[in-house]
Amino acid sequence: MPETLSPEIIAGIRRALDEDIGAGDATTDSIVPADATSSGRIIAKQDGVVAGLDVAAAGLSPGGCARQLLRWWPKARRCPTPAARGRSPGQRRALLTAERTALQLPGRMSGIATLTRRFVDAVAGTRAVILDTRKTAPGLRSLDKLAVRRGGGQNHRIGLYDMILIKDNHIDYAGSLDEAVRRARAAHSGLEIEVEARTLAEVRPRSICAWRASCLDNMTPT
């Protein structure tokens, strides 16, 4: 089974449902009887890596529609088209009301997982690691990063708080790479520090980065 969804993801699903449903689905509630039942299938329209059916299940769970989704497709994996990704029986009102959220979130996740897998496959057999960034859609970071993991990639920093990443503007403001690193270490000694250097010449002379010198000698700038 996929990893347990984090509280952040559950909260995000609830926000998505609240945003769409508000006080209620005026159309469905006025037309569809409350005791009507139905079932629906999530169907792939192109090849890819399935990711996020547990997210879809969480979005449908208030209407009792979630159980069979994960029984049909419990893990992120490749899926050729046409293929049913999951089947969900339950109350018809619940299916119609939550269907957009239950489709959009796993659709986005599957797209990210599929693209991630392409990069992972491209570097297979090397020591390269495919990492994500924090350049995600606001409010969807936890979902986007989960999708990267399910596509075979790895997560980089989650946000601005859990790692120091010194970029060119930080170096310019501090006056030098050395000074930028010194200030970062003084303020947050317990956090990992990474530096985005613009050139090899910017890194090679630095005593702080001397341990990298032997590797850099054999590198060609790109």
N, C-alpha and C. Protein backbone atom coordinates (compact mmCIF):
# COMPACT_ATOMS: atom_id res chain seq x y z
N MET A 1 0.83 -1.20 0.00
CA MET A 1 0.00 0.00 0.00
C MET A 1 0.87 1.25 0.00
N PRO A 2 0.37 2.35 -0.58
CA PRO A 2 1.15 3.59 -0.56
C PRO A 2 1.34 4.09 0.86
N GLU A 3 2.33 4.98 1.03
CA GLU A 3 2.55 5.54 2.35
C GLU A 3 1.33 6.31 2.83
N THR A 4 1.18 6.39 4.13
CA THR A 4 0.04 7.09 4.71
C THR A 4 0.09 8.56 4.33
N LEU A 5 -1.04 9.11 3.95
CA LEU A 5 -1.10 10.51 3.57
C LEU A 5 -0.85 11.39 4.79
N SER A 6 -0.04 12.42 4.61
CA SER A 6 0.31 13.30 5.71
C SER A 6 -0.87 14.20 6.08
N PRO A 7 -0.85 14.74 7.31
CA PRO A 7 -1.91 15.68 7.70
C PRO A 7 -2.00 16.87 6.76
N GLU A 8 -0.87 17.32 6.20
CA GLU A 8 -0.89 18.45 5.27
C GLU A 8 -1.67 18.11 4.01
N ILE A 9 -1.50 16.87 3.54
CA ILE A 9 -2.22 16.46 2.33
C ILE A 9 -3.70 16.32 2.61
N ILE A 10 -4.04 15.71 3.73
CA ILE A 10 -5.46 15.58 4.10
C ILE A 10 -6.11 16.94 4.21
N ALA A 11 -5.41 17.88 4.85
CA ALA A 11 -5.94 19.24 4.98
C ALA A 11 -6.11 19.89 3.61
N GLY A 12 -5.16 19.63 2.70
CA GLY A 12 -5.25 20.18 1.36
C GLY A 12 -6.44 19.63 0.59
N ILE A 13 -6.72 18.35 0.76
CA ILE A 13 -7.90 17.75 0.11
C ILE A 13 -9.17 18.38 0.64
N ARG A 14 -9.22 18.59 1.94
CA ARG A 14 -10.40 19.21 2.53
C ARG A 14 -10.60 20.63 2.03
N ARG A 15 -9.48 21.36 1.90
CA ARG A 15 -9.58 22.73 1.37
C ARG A 15 -10.10 22.72 -0.06
N ALA A 16 -9.61 21.76 -0.85
CA ALA A 16 -10.05 21.67 -2.23
C ALA A 16 -11.55 21.37 -2.32
N LEU A 17 -12.02 20.46 -1.47
CA LEU A 17 -13.45 20.14 -1.46
C LEU A 17 -14.26 21.33 -0.99
N ASP A 18 -13.80 22.00 0.07
CA ASP A 18 -14.53 23.16 0.59
C ASP A 18 -14.60 24.27 -0.46
N GLU A 19 -13.51 24.46 -1.19
CA GLU A 19 -13.46 25.48 -2.21
C GLU A 19 -14.49 25.23 -3.30
N ASP A 20 -14.67 23.96 -3.66
CA ASP A 20 -15.57 23.60 -4.76
C ASP A 20 -17.02 23.48 -4.31
N ILE A 21 -17.22 22.88 -3.14
CA ILE A 21 -18.58 22.55 -2.71
C ILE A 21 -19.25 23.70 -1.96
N GLY A 22 -18.48 24.40 -1.11
CA GLY A 22 -19.06 25.49 -0.34
C GLY A 22 -20.21 25.01 0.53
N ALA A 23 -21.36 25.63 0.38
CA ALA A 23 -22.54 25.27 1.18
C ALA A 23 -23.24 24.02 0.65
N GLY A 24 -22.83 23.53 -0.50
CA GLY A 24 -23.44 22.33 -1.05
C GLY A 24 -23.49 22.36 -2.57
N ASP A 25 -23.62 21.19 -3.17
CA ASP A 25 -23.73 21.05 -4.63
C ASP A 25 -25.18 21.33 -5.02
N ALA A 26 -25.47 22.57 -5.38
CA ALA A 26 -26.85 22.98 -5.63
C ALA A 26 -27.48 22.17 -6.76
N THR A 27 -26.71 21.87 -7.80
CA THR A 27 -27.27 21.15 -8.94
C THR A 27 -27.57 19.70 -8.59
N THR A 28 -26.56 18.99 -8.08
CA THR A 28 -26.73 17.57 -7.78
C THR A 28 -27.77 17.36 -6.68
N ASP A 29 -27.72 18.16 -5.63
CA ASP A 29 -28.64 17.97 -4.51
C ASP A 29 -30.09 18.23 -4.90
N SER A 30 -30.31 19.05 -5.92
CA SER A 30 -31.68 19.34 -6.33
C SER A 30 -32.23 18.33 -7.33
N ILE A 31 -31.34 17.58 -7.97
CA ILE A 31 -31.77 16.68 -9.04
C ILE A 31 -31.65 15.21 -8.67
N VAL A 32 -30.60 14.83 -7.96
CA VAL A 32 -30.32 13.42 -7.67
C VAL A 32 -30.88 13.06 -6.30
N PRO A 33 -31.68 11.98 -6.20
CA PRO A 33 -32.23 11.56 -4.90
C PRO A 33 -31.12 11.21 -3.92
N ALA A 34 -31.37 11.49 -2.66
CA ALA A 34 -30.35 11.29 -1.63
C ALA A 34 -29.96 9.82 -1.48
N ASP A 35 -30.89 8.90 -1.79
CA ASP A 35 -30.59 7.48 -1.59
C ASP A 35 -30.11 6.78 -2.86
N ALA A 36 -29.87 7.53 -3.92
CA ALA A 36 -29.42 6.93 -5.18
C ALA A 36 -27.97 6.47 -5.04
N THR A 37 -27.66 5.33 -5.62
CA THR A 37 -26.29 4.81 -5.61
C THR A 37 -25.79 4.67 -7.04
N SER A 38 -24.49 4.62 -7.17
CA SER A 38 -23.89 4.52 -8.49
C SER A 38 -22.44 4.08 -8.34
N SER A 39 -21.76 3.95 -9.45
CA SER A 39 -20.33 3.66 -9.42
C SER A 39 -19.67 4.38 -10.58
N GLY A 40 -18.38 4.63 -10.42
CA GLY A 40 -17.64 5.32 -11.47
C GLY A 40 -16.25 4.74 -11.60
N ARG A 41 -15.62 4.96 -12.73
CA ARG A 41 -14.26 4.49 -12.97
C ARG A 41 -13.38 5.67 -13.36
N ILE A 42 -12.16 5.64 -12.90
CA ILE A 42 -11.15 6.59 -13.34
C ILE A 42 -10.38 5.92 -14.46
N ILE A 43 -10.41 6.50 -15.65
CA ILE A 43 -9.84 5.86 -16.83
C ILE A 43 -8.70 6.71 -17.38
N ALA A 44 -7.60 6.05 -17.70
CA ALA A 44 -6.45 6.73 -18.28
C ALA A 44 -6.70 7.04 -19.75
N LYS A 45 -6.29 8.22 -20.19
CA LYS A 45 -6.40 8.59 -21.60
C LYS A 45 -5.05 8.55 -22.32
N GLN A 46 -3.97 8.35 -21.57
CA GLN A 46 -2.67 8.17 -22.18
C GLN A 46 -1.78 7.39 -21.22
N ASP A 47 -0.71 6.82 -21.75
CA ASP A 47 0.20 6.02 -20.94
C ASP A 47 0.84 6.89 -19.86
N GLY A 48 1.18 6.25 -18.75
CA GLY A 48 1.84 7.01 -17.70
C GLY A 48 1.99 6.21 -16.43
N VAL A 49 2.44 6.90 -15.38
CA VAL A 49 2.58 6.31 -14.06
C VAL A 49 1.40 6.78 -13.21
N VAL A 50 0.66 5.82 -12.69
CA VAL A 50 -0.49 6.15 -11.85
C VAL A 50 0.01 6.59 -10.48
N ALA A 51 -0.48 7.70 -10.00
CA ALA A 51 -0.14 8.18 -8.66
C ALA A 51 -1.31 8.98 -8.12
N GLY A 52 -1.66 8.72 -6.86
CA GLY A 52 -2.66 9.55 -6.22
C GLY A 52 -4.05 8.97 -6.09
N LEU A 53 -4.22 7.67 -6.35
CA LEU A 53 -5.56 7.11 -6.16
C LEU A 53 -5.94 7.13 -4.69
N ASP A 54 -4.96 7.06 -3.78
CA ASP A 54 -5.28 7.19 -2.37
C ASP A 54 -5.75 8.61 -2.05
N VAL A 55 -5.24 9.58 -2.79
CA VAL A 55 -5.72 10.96 -2.63
C VAL A 55 -7.15 11.08 -3.14
N ALA A 56 -7.42 10.45 -4.28
CA ALA A 56 -8.80 10.43 -4.79
C ALA A 56 -9.72 9.74 -3.81
N ALA A 57 -9.26 8.65 -3.22
CA ALA A 57 -10.08 7.93 -2.25
C ALA A 57 -10.37 8.79 -1.04
N ALA A 58 -9.38 9.56 -0.59
CA ALA A 58 -9.61 10.44 0.56
C ALA A 58 -10.62 11.52 0.22
N GLY A 59 -10.61 12.00 -1.03
CA GLY A 59 -11.58 13.00 -1.44
C GLY A 59 -12.98 12.46 -1.55
N LEU A 60 -13.10 11.17 -1.85
CA LEU A 60 -14.42 10.56 -1.99
C LEU A 60 -14.92 9.91 -0.71
N SER A 61 -14.06 9.75 0.27
CA SER A 61 -14.40 8.97 1.45
C SER A 61 -15.62 9.46 2.23
N PRO A 62 -15.91 10.79 2.31
CA PRO A 62 -17.11 11.19 3.05
C PRO A 62 -18.39 10.58 2.51
N GLY A 63 -18.40 10.23 1.21
CA GLY A 63 -19.59 9.63 0.63
C GLY A 63 -19.52 8.11 0.57
N GLY A 64 -18.55 7.51 1.21
CA GLY A 64 -18.45 6.06 1.24
C GLY A 64 -18.05 5.46 -0.09
N CYS A 65 -17.26 6.18 -0.89
CA CYS A 65 -16.94 5.72 -2.24
C CYS A 65 -15.50 5.26 -2.41
N ALA A 66 -14.76 5.16 -1.33
CA ALA A 66 -13.32 5.05 -1.48
C ALA A 66 -12.79 3.63 -1.51
N ARG A 67 -13.46 2.69 -0.96
CA ARG A 67 -12.85 1.41 -0.62
C ARG A 67 -12.19 0.72 -1.80
N GLN A 68 -12.90 0.62 -2.92
CA GLN A 68 -12.37 -0.20 -4.01
C GLN A 68 -11.29 0.48 -4.83
N LEU A 69 -11.13 1.79 -4.71
CA LEU A 69 -10.09 2.45 -5.49
C LEU A 69 -8.72 1.85 -5.21
N LEU A 70 -8.40 1.69 -3.94
CA LEU A 70 -7.07 1.20 -3.59
C LEU A 70 -6.98 -0.31 -3.75
N ARG A 71 -8.08 -1.01 -3.75
CA ARG A 71 -8.05 -2.44 -4.03
C ARG A 71 -7.71 -2.68 -5.49
N TRP A 72 -8.17 -1.79 -6.37
CA TRP A 72 -7.91 -1.96 -7.79
C TRP A 72 -6.49 -1.53 -8.17
N TRP A 73 -5.99 -0.49 -7.55
CA TRP A 73 -4.69 0.04 -7.96
C TRP A 73 -3.97 0.62 -6.74
N PRO A 74 -3.39 -0.23 -5.89
CA PRO A 74 -2.89 0.23 -4.60
C PRO A 74 -1.59 1.02 -4.65
N LYS A 75 -0.77 0.86 -5.70
CA LYS A 75 0.54 1.50 -5.71
C LYS A 75 0.75 2.30 -6.99
N ALA A 76 1.68 3.28 -6.89
CA ALA A 76 2.08 4.00 -8.09
C ALA A 76 2.80 3.03 -9.02
N ARG A 77 2.35 2.93 -10.26
CA ARG A 77 2.98 2.02 -11.22
C ARG A 77 2.59 2.45 -12.62
N ARG A 78 3.31 1.91 -13.60
CA ARG A 78 3.01 2.24 -14.98
C ARG A 78 1.66 1.65 -15.39
N CYS A 79 0.98 2.37 -16.28
CA CYS A 79 -0.32 1.88 -16.75
C CYS A 79 -0.47 2.25 -18.22
N PRO A 80 -0.64 1.26 -19.10
CA PRO A 80 -0.89 1.57 -20.51
C PRO A 80 -2.34 2.00 -20.71
N THR A 81 -2.61 2.64 -21.82
CA THR A 81 -3.98 3.03 -22.14
C THR A 81 -4.53 2.15 -23.25
N PRO A 82 -5.86 2.02 -23.32
CA PRO A 82 -6.81 2.49 -22.32
C PRO A 82 -6.87 1.53 -21.13
N ALA A 83 -7.02 2.05 -19.95
CA ALA A 83 -7.09 1.19 -18.77
C ALA A 83 -7.81 1.91 -17.65
N ALA A 84 -8.62 1.16 -16.92
CA ALA A 84 -9.29 1.73 -15.76
C ALA A 84 -8.31 1.80 -14.61
N ARG A 85 -8.16 2.97 -14.02
CA ARG A 85 -7.22 3.15 -12.91
C ARG A 85 -7.85 2.74 -11.58
N GLY A 86 -9.16 2.78 -11.49
CA GLY A 86 -9.81 2.41 -10.23
C GLY A 86 -11.31 2.50 -10.38
N ARG A 87 -12.02 1.77 -9.55
CA ARG A 87 -13.48 1.78 -9.59
C ARG A 87 -14.00 2.15 -8.21
N SER A 88 -15.02 3.00 -8.17
CA SER A 88 -15.49 3.50 -6.89
C SER A 88 -17.02 3.50 -6.81
N PRO A 89 -17.60 2.53 -6.11
CA PRO A 89 -19.05 2.53 -5.91
C PRO A 89 -19.42 3.37 -4.69
N GLY A 90 -20.63 3.87 -4.64
CA GLY A 90 -21.07 4.64 -3.48
C GLY A 90 -22.29 5.47 -3.79
N GLN A 91 -22.57 6.45 -2.96
CA GLN A 91 -23.72 7.31 -3.16
C GLN A 91 -23.51 8.18 -4.40
N ARG A 92 -24.56 8.27 -5.22
CA ARG A 92 -24.41 9.01 -6.47
C ARG A 92 -24.15 10.49 -6.22
N ARG A 93 -24.79 11.06 -5.23
CA ARG A 93 -24.54 12.46 -4.93
C ARG A 93 -23.07 12.71 -4.59
N ALA A 94 -22.53 11.83 -3.77
CA ALA A 94 -21.13 12.00 -3.35
C ALA A 94 -20.19 11.89 -4.54
N LEU A 95 -20.45 10.95 -5.44
CA LEU A 95 -19.61 10.79 -6.61
C LEU A 95 -19.65 12.02 -7.51
N LEU A 96 -20.84 12.53 -7.76
CA LEU A 96 -20.97 13.69 -8.64
C LEU A 96 -20.39 14.95 -8.01
N THR A 97 -20.53 15.07 -6.70
CA THR A 97 -20.08 16.28 -6.02
C THR A 97 -18.56 16.33 -5.89
N ALA A 98 -17.96 15.19 -5.61
CA ALA A 98 -16.51 15.17 -5.35
C ALA A 98 -15.69 14.77 -6.57
N GLU A 99 -16.34 14.46 -7.68
CA GLU A 99 -15.61 13.89 -8.81
C GLU A 99 -14.51 14.81 -9.34
N ARG A 100 -14.74 16.11 -9.38
CA ARG A 100 -13.73 17.00 -9.95
C ARG A 100 -12.46 17.01 -9.11
N THR A 101 -12.63 17.11 -7.80
CA THR A 101 -11.46 17.06 -6.92
C THR A 101 -10.79 15.69 -7.00
N ALA A 102 -11.60 14.64 -7.03
CA ALA A 102 -11.07 13.27 -7.05
C ALA A 102 -10.37 12.95 -8.37
N LEU A 103 -10.63 13.72 -9.42
CA LEU A 103 -9.94 13.52 -10.69
C LEU A 103 -8.74 14.45 -10.86
N GLN A 104 -8.91 15.70 -10.44
CA GLN A 104 -7.86 16.68 -10.67
C GLN A 104 -6.59 16.38 -9.90
N LEU A 105 -6.73 16.03 -8.62
CA LEU A 105 -5.53 15.83 -7.80
C LEU A 105 -4.71 14.62 -8.26
N PRO A 106 -5.30 13.43 -8.43
CA PRO A 106 -4.48 12.32 -8.94
C PRO A 106 -4.04 12.52 -10.38
N GLY A 107 -4.82 13.28 -11.16
CA GLY A 107 -4.39 13.58 -12.53
C GLY A 107 -3.11 14.39 -12.53
N ARG A 108 -3.07 15.40 -11.67
CA ARG A 108 -1.85 16.21 -11.54
C ARG A 108 -0.69 15.36 -11.03
N MET A 109 -0.96 14.56 -10.00
CA MET A 109 0.09 13.73 -9.42
C MET A 109 0.62 12.72 -10.44
N SER A 110 -0.26 12.13 -11.21
CA SER A 110 0.17 11.14 -12.20
C SER A 110 1.03 11.79 -13.27
N GLY A 111 0.69 13.03 -13.66
CA GLY A 111 1.51 13.75 -14.63
C GLY A 111 2.91 14.00 -14.10
N ILE A 112 3.01 14.43 -12.84
CA ILE A 112 4.31 14.69 -12.24
C ILE A 112 5.10 13.39 -12.10
N ALA A 113 4.43 12.32 -11.64
CA ALA A 113 5.10 11.04 -11.47
C ALA A 113 5.59 10.48 -12.80
N THR A 114 4.79 10.67 -13.85
CA THR A 114 5.17 10.18 -15.17
C THR A 114 6.41 10.89 -15.70
N LEU A 115 6.43 12.22 -15.58
CA LEU A 115 7.59 12.99 -16.04
C LEU A 115 8.83 12.66 -15.21
N THR A 116 8.63 12.52 -13.90
CA THR A 116 9.74 12.17 -13.02
C THR A 116 10.34 10.83 -13.43
N ARG A 117 9.48 9.86 -13.71
CA ARG A 117 9.97 8.53 -14.09
C ARG A 117 10.80 8.58 -15.38
N ARG A 118 10.45 9.46 -16.29
CA ARG A 118 11.22 9.58 -17.52
C ARG A 118 12.65 10.02 -17.22
N PHE A 119 12.79 10.98 -16.31
CA PHE A 119 14.13 11.44 -15.93
C PHE A 119 14.87 10.35 -15.16
N VAL A 120 14.15 9.67 -14.27
CA VAL A 120 14.77 8.59 -13.49
C VAL A 120 15.28 7.49 -14.42
N ASP A 121 14.47 7.12 -15.40
CA ASP A 121 14.89 6.10 -16.35
C ASP A 121 16.08 6.57 -17.18
N ALA A 122 16.12 7.86 -17.50
CA ALA A 122 17.19 8.39 -18.35
C ALA A 122 18.55 8.33 -17.67
N VAL A 123 18.57 8.39 -16.34
CA VAL A 123 19.86 8.35 -15.62
C VAL A 123 20.11 7.01 -14.95
N ALA A 124 19.29 6.03 -15.27
CA ALA A 124 19.46 4.70 -14.67
C ALA A 124 20.85 4.16 -14.97
N GLY A 125 21.48 3.58 -13.94
CA GLY A 125 22.81 3.04 -14.09
C GLY A 125 23.92 4.03 -13.80
N THR A 126 23.56 5.26 -13.52
CA THR A 126 24.54 6.28 -13.15
C THR A 126 24.37 6.62 -11.68
N ARG A 127 25.19 7.52 -11.19
CA ARG A 127 25.06 7.96 -9.80
C ARG A 127 24.19 9.21 -9.68
N ALA A 128 23.62 9.65 -10.78
CA ALA A 128 22.77 10.84 -10.75
C ALA A 128 21.48 10.55 -9.99
N VAL A 129 21.00 11.56 -9.29
CA VAL A 129 19.76 11.46 -8.53
C VAL A 129 18.81 12.55 -9.00
N ILE A 130 17.58 12.21 -9.24
CA ILE A 130 16.58 13.17 -9.69
C ILE A 130 15.91 13.79 -8.46
N LEU A 131 16.08 15.09 -8.31
CA LEU A 131 15.50 15.83 -7.18
C LEU A 131 14.46 16.82 -7.68
N ASP A 132 13.52 17.15 -6.80
CA ASP A 132 12.55 18.19 -7.12
C ASP A 132 13.02 19.53 -6.58
N THR A 133 12.19 20.56 -6.71
CA THR A 133 12.47 21.88 -6.16
C THR A 133 11.29 22.31 -5.30
N ARG A 134 11.35 23.52 -4.78
CA ARG A 134 10.20 24.06 -4.05
C ARG A 134 9.34 24.93 -4.95
N LYS A 135 9.57 24.87 -6.26
CA LYS A 135 8.77 25.66 -7.21
C LYS A 135 7.51 24.89 -7.56
N THR A 136 6.65 24.76 -6.58
CA THR A 136 5.41 23.99 -6.74
C THR A 136 4.22 24.95 -6.76
N ALA A 137 3.05 24.42 -7.09
CA ALA A 137 1.84 25.23 -7.04
C ALA A 137 1.51 25.56 -5.59
N PRO A 138 1.25 26.82 -5.26
CA PRO A 138 0.94 27.18 -3.87
C PRO A 138 -0.20 26.33 -3.32
N GLY A 139 0.03 25.78 -2.14
CA GLY A 139 -0.98 24.96 -1.49
C GLY A 139 -0.94 23.49 -1.86
N LEU A 140 -0.13 23.14 -2.88
CA LEU A 140 -0.09 21.76 -3.35
C LEU A 140 1.31 21.15 -3.20
N ARG A 141 2.17 21.76 -2.43
CA ARG A 141 3.56 21.30 -2.35
C ARG A 141 3.67 19.87 -1.86
N SER A 142 2.94 19.54 -0.80
CA SER A 142 3.03 18.18 -0.26
C SER A 142 2.59 17.15 -1.29
N LEU A 143 1.53 17.46 -2.03
CA LEU A 143 1.06 16.55 -3.07
C LEU A 143 2.07 16.43 -4.20
N ASP A 144 2.62 17.56 -4.64
CA ASP A 144 3.58 17.54 -5.74
C ASP A 144 4.83 16.75 -5.36
N LYS A 145 5.30 16.93 -4.14
CA LYS A 145 6.50 16.22 -3.72
C LYS A 145 6.23 14.73 -3.50
N LEU A 146 5.03 14.39 -3.05
CA LEU A 146 4.66 12.99 -2.95
C LEU A 146 4.65 12.35 -4.34
N ALA A 147 4.14 13.08 -5.32
CA ALA A 147 4.11 12.57 -6.69
C ALA A 147 5.52 12.32 -7.22
N VAL A 148 6.46 13.19 -6.89
CA VAL A 148 7.85 13.00 -7.31
C VAL A 148 8.40 11.70 -6.73
N ARG A 149 8.14 11.46 -5.45
CA ARG A 149 8.62 10.22 -4.83
C ARG A 149 8.00 9.01 -5.49
N ARG A 150 6.74 9.09 -5.83
CA ARG A 150 6.07 7.95 -6.45
C ARG A 150 6.51 7.74 -7.89
N GLY A 151 7.11 8.76 -8.47
CA GLY A 151 7.67 8.60 -9.80
C GLY A 151 9.10 8.11 -9.77
N GLY A 152 9.64 7.89 -8.56
CA GLY A 152 11.00 7.37 -8.43
C GLY A 152 12.04 8.42 -8.12
N GLY A 153 11.63 9.69 -8.02
CA GLY A 153 12.56 10.76 -7.68
C GLY A 153 12.70 10.93 -6.17
N GLN A 154 13.48 11.91 -5.78
CA GLN A 154 13.68 12.20 -4.37
C GLN A 154 13.36 13.67 -4.10
N ASN A 155 12.98 13.94 -2.87
CA ASN A 155 12.65 15.32 -2.50
C ASN A 155 13.90 16.08 -2.08
N HIS A 156 14.00 17.32 -2.53
CA HIS A 156 15.03 18.24 -2.07
C HIS A 156 14.44 18.97 -0.86
N ARG A 157 14.81 20.21 -0.63
CA ARG A 157 14.25 20.90 0.54
C ARG A 157 12.74 21.09 0.38
N ILE A 158 12.05 21.08 1.49
CA ILE A 158 10.60 21.24 1.47
C ILE A 158 10.23 22.71 1.29
N GLY A 159 10.93 23.59 1.99
CA GLY A 159 10.63 25.02 1.90
C GLY A 159 11.87 25.83 2.23
N LEU A 160 11.64 27.05 2.62
CA LEU A 160 12.73 27.96 2.96
C LEU A 160 13.30 27.72 4.34
N TYR A 161 12.67 26.85 5.11
CA TYR A 161 12.98 26.73 6.53
C TYR A 161 13.87 25.53 6.88
N ASP A 162 13.94 24.51 6.03
CA ASP A 162 14.58 23.27 6.42
C ASP A 162 15.96 23.07 5.79
N MET A 163 16.44 24.05 5.07
CA MET A 163 17.76 23.95 4.44
C MET A 163 18.19 25.34 3.99
N ILE A 164 19.49 25.57 3.94
CA ILE A 164 20.01 26.84 3.43
C ILE A 164 20.50 26.61 2.01
N LEU A 165 19.96 27.38 1.08
CA LEU A 165 20.38 27.30 -0.32
C LEU A 165 20.80 28.70 -0.74
N ILE A 166 22.10 28.91 -0.84
CA ILE A 166 22.65 30.23 -1.16
C ILE A 166 22.72 30.37 -2.68
N LYS A 167 22.06 31.41 -3.19
CA LYS A 167 22.02 31.66 -4.63
C LYS A 167 22.81 32.91 -4.96
N ASP A 168 22.82 33.25 -6.26
CA ASP A 168 23.64 34.37 -6.70
C ASP A 168 23.27 35.69 -6.03
N ASN A 169 21.97 35.91 -5.80
CA ASN A 169 21.59 37.18 -5.17
C ASN A 169 22.07 37.25 -3.72
N HIS A 170 22.11 36.12 -3.02
CA HIS A 170 22.63 36.10 -1.66
C HIS A 170 24.13 36.39 -1.66
N ILE A 171 24.85 35.79 -2.61
CA ILE A 171 26.29 36.01 -2.70
C ILE A 171 26.59 37.47 -3.00
N ASP A 172 25.82 38.05 -3.93
CA ASP A 172 26.03 39.45 -4.28
C ASP A 172 25.78 40.36 -3.08
N TYR A 173 24.74 40.06 -2.32
CA TYR A 173 24.41 40.90 -1.17
C TYR A 173 25.48 40.79 -0.09
N ALA A 174 26.01 39.58 0.12
CA ALA A 174 27.03 39.38 1.16
C ALA A 174 28.40 39.88 0.72
N GLY A 175 28.62 39.99 -0.58
CA GLY A 175 29.90 40.46 -1.09
C GLY A 175 30.80 39.36 -1.59
N SER A 176 30.58 38.14 -1.13
CA SER A 176 31.38 37.00 -1.59
C SER A 176 30.70 35.72 -1.17
N LEU A 177 31.11 34.63 -1.83
CA LEU A 177 30.58 33.32 -1.45
C LEU A 177 31.01 32.97 -0.03
N ASP A 178 32.28 33.23 0.30
CA ASP A 178 32.78 32.96 1.65
C ASP A 178 31.93 33.63 2.71
N GLU A 179 31.65 34.91 2.49
CA GLU A 179 30.92 35.68 3.50
C GLU A 179 29.47 35.20 3.61
N ALA A 180 28.87 34.85 2.49
CA ALA A 180 27.50 34.35 2.53
C ALA A 180 27.42 33.06 3.33
N VAL A 181 28.37 32.14 3.11
CA VAL A 181 28.39 30.89 3.86
C VAL A 181 28.67 31.15 5.34
N ARG A 182 29.59 32.07 5.62
CA ARG A 182 29.91 32.38 7.03
C ARG A 182 28.67 32.87 7.77
N ARG A 183 27.93 33.79 7.15
CA ARG A 183 26.73 34.32 7.79
C ARG A 183 25.67 33.24 7.99
N ALA A 184 25.52 32.38 6.99
CA ALA A 184 24.52 31.32 7.10
C ALA A 184 24.87 30.35 8.21
N ARG A 185 26.15 29.98 8.30
CA ARG A 185 26.57 29.05 9.36
C ARG A 185 26.41 29.67 10.74
N ALA A 186 26.69 30.95 10.84
CA ALA A 186 26.57 31.62 12.14
C ALA A 186 25.12 31.69 12.60
N ALA A 187 24.21 31.85 11.66
CA ALA A 187 22.80 32.00 12.02
C ALA A 187 22.08 30.67 12.19
N HIS A 188 22.47 29.65 11.40
CA HIS A 188 21.78 28.35 11.41
C HIS A 188 22.80 27.23 11.31
N SER A 189 23.51 26.99 12.39
CA SER A 189 24.59 26.00 12.35
C SER A 189 24.09 24.58 12.16
N GLY A 190 22.82 24.32 12.45
CA GLY A 190 22.32 22.96 12.36
C GLY A 190 21.73 22.59 11.02
N LEU A 191 21.63 23.54 10.10
CA LEU A 191 21.01 23.27 8.80
C LEU A 191 22.06 22.96 7.74
N GLU A 192 21.70 22.06 6.83
CA GLU A 192 22.55 21.77 5.69
C GLU A 192 22.65 23.00 4.81
N ILE A 193 23.83 23.25 4.24
CA ILE A 193 24.04 24.39 3.37
C ILE A 193 24.41 23.92 1.97
N GLU A 194 23.71 24.45 0.98
CA GLU A 194 24.08 24.25 -0.41
C GLU A 194 24.29 25.61 -1.05
N VAL A 195 25.18 25.65 -2.05
CA VAL A 195 25.49 26.89 -2.74
C VAL A 195 25.33 26.70 -4.24
N GLU A 196 24.63 27.61 -4.87
CA GLU A 196 24.55 27.62 -6.33
C GLU A 196 25.63 28.57 -6.85
N ALA A 197 26.74 28.01 -7.31
CA ALA A 197 27.83 28.82 -7.85
C ALA A 197 27.61 29.04 -9.34
N ARG A 198 27.95 30.23 -9.81
CA ARG A 198 27.76 30.56 -11.22
C ARG A 198 28.86 30.01 -12.11
N THR A 199 30.06 29.90 -11.56
CA THR A 199 31.20 29.40 -12.33
C THR A 199 32.08 28.54 -11.43
N LEU A 200 32.93 27.72 -12.04
CA LEU A 200 33.88 26.94 -11.27
C LEU A 200 34.91 27.85 -10.60
N ALA A 201 35.25 28.95 -11.27
CA ALA A 201 36.21 29.88 -10.69
C ALA A 201 35.69 30.48 -9.39
N GLU A 202 34.38 30.59 -9.28
CA GLU A 202 33.80 31.14 -8.06
C GLU A 202 33.95 30.20 -6.88
N VAL A 203 34.06 28.91 -7.17
CA VAL A 203 34.12 27.91 -6.11
C VAL A 203 35.55 27.48 -5.80
N ARG A 204 36.37 27.26 -6.83
CA ARG A 204 37.65 26.61 -6.65
C ARG A 204 38.57 27.28 -5.62
N PRO A 205 38.68 28.60 -5.57
CA PRO A 205 39.64 29.19 -4.64
C PRO A 205 39.17 29.22 -3.19
N ARG A 206 37.93 28.90 -2.94
CA ARG A 206 37.39 29.10 -1.61
C ARG A 206 37.87 28.03 -0.64
N SER A 207 38.40 28.44 0.47
CA SER A 207 38.85 27.48 1.48
C SER A 207 37.68 26.70 2.04
N ILE A 208 36.50 27.31 2.06
CA ILE A 208 35.31 26.65 2.59
C ILE A 208 34.96 25.43 1.74
N CYS A 209 35.24 25.53 0.45
CA CYS A 209 34.86 24.45 -0.47
C CYS A 209 36.08 23.70 -0.99
N ALA A 210 37.19 23.75 -0.24
CA ALA A 210 38.44 23.14 -0.71
C ALA A 210 38.31 21.65 -0.95
N TRP A 211 37.43 21.00 -0.18
CA TRP A 211 37.27 19.56 -0.32
C TRP A 211 36.72 19.17 -1.68
N ARG A 212 36.14 20.15 -2.41
CA ARG A 212 35.60 19.85 -3.72
C ARG A 212 36.63 20.06 -4.84
N ALA A 213 37.78 20.64 -4.52
CA ALA A 213 38.70 21.08 -5.56
C ALA A 213 39.13 19.95 -6.49
N SER A 214 39.44 18.78 -5.92
CA SER A 214 39.93 17.69 -6.75
C SER A 214 38.88 17.22 -7.73
N CYS A 215 37.62 17.31 -7.34
CA CYS A 215 36.53 16.92 -8.25
C CYS A 215 36.33 17.98 -9.33
N LEU A 216 36.41 19.25 -8.93
CA LEU A 216 36.14 20.32 -9.86
C LEU A 216 37.19 20.40 -10.96
N ASP A 217 38.42 19.97 -10.67
CA ASP A 217 39.49 20.03 -11.67
C ASP A 217 39.15 19.24 -12.93
N ASN A 218 38.30 18.22 -12.75
CA ASN A 218 37.96 17.36 -13.89
C ASN A 218 36.61 17.68 -14.50
N MET A 219 36.02 18.79 -14.06
CA MET A 219 34.69 19.14 -14.56
C MET A 219 34.79 20.19 -15.64
N THR A 220 33.84 20.14 -16.57
CA THR A 220 33.73 21.14 -17.63
C THR A 220 32.47 21.94 -17.42
N PRO A 221 32.54 23.27 -17.36
CA PRO A 221 31.32 24.09 -17.18
C PRO A 221 30.34 23.84 -18.30
N THR A 222 29.05 23.90 -17.96
CA THR A 222 28.01 23.75 -18.98
C THR A 222 27.13 24.97 -19.00
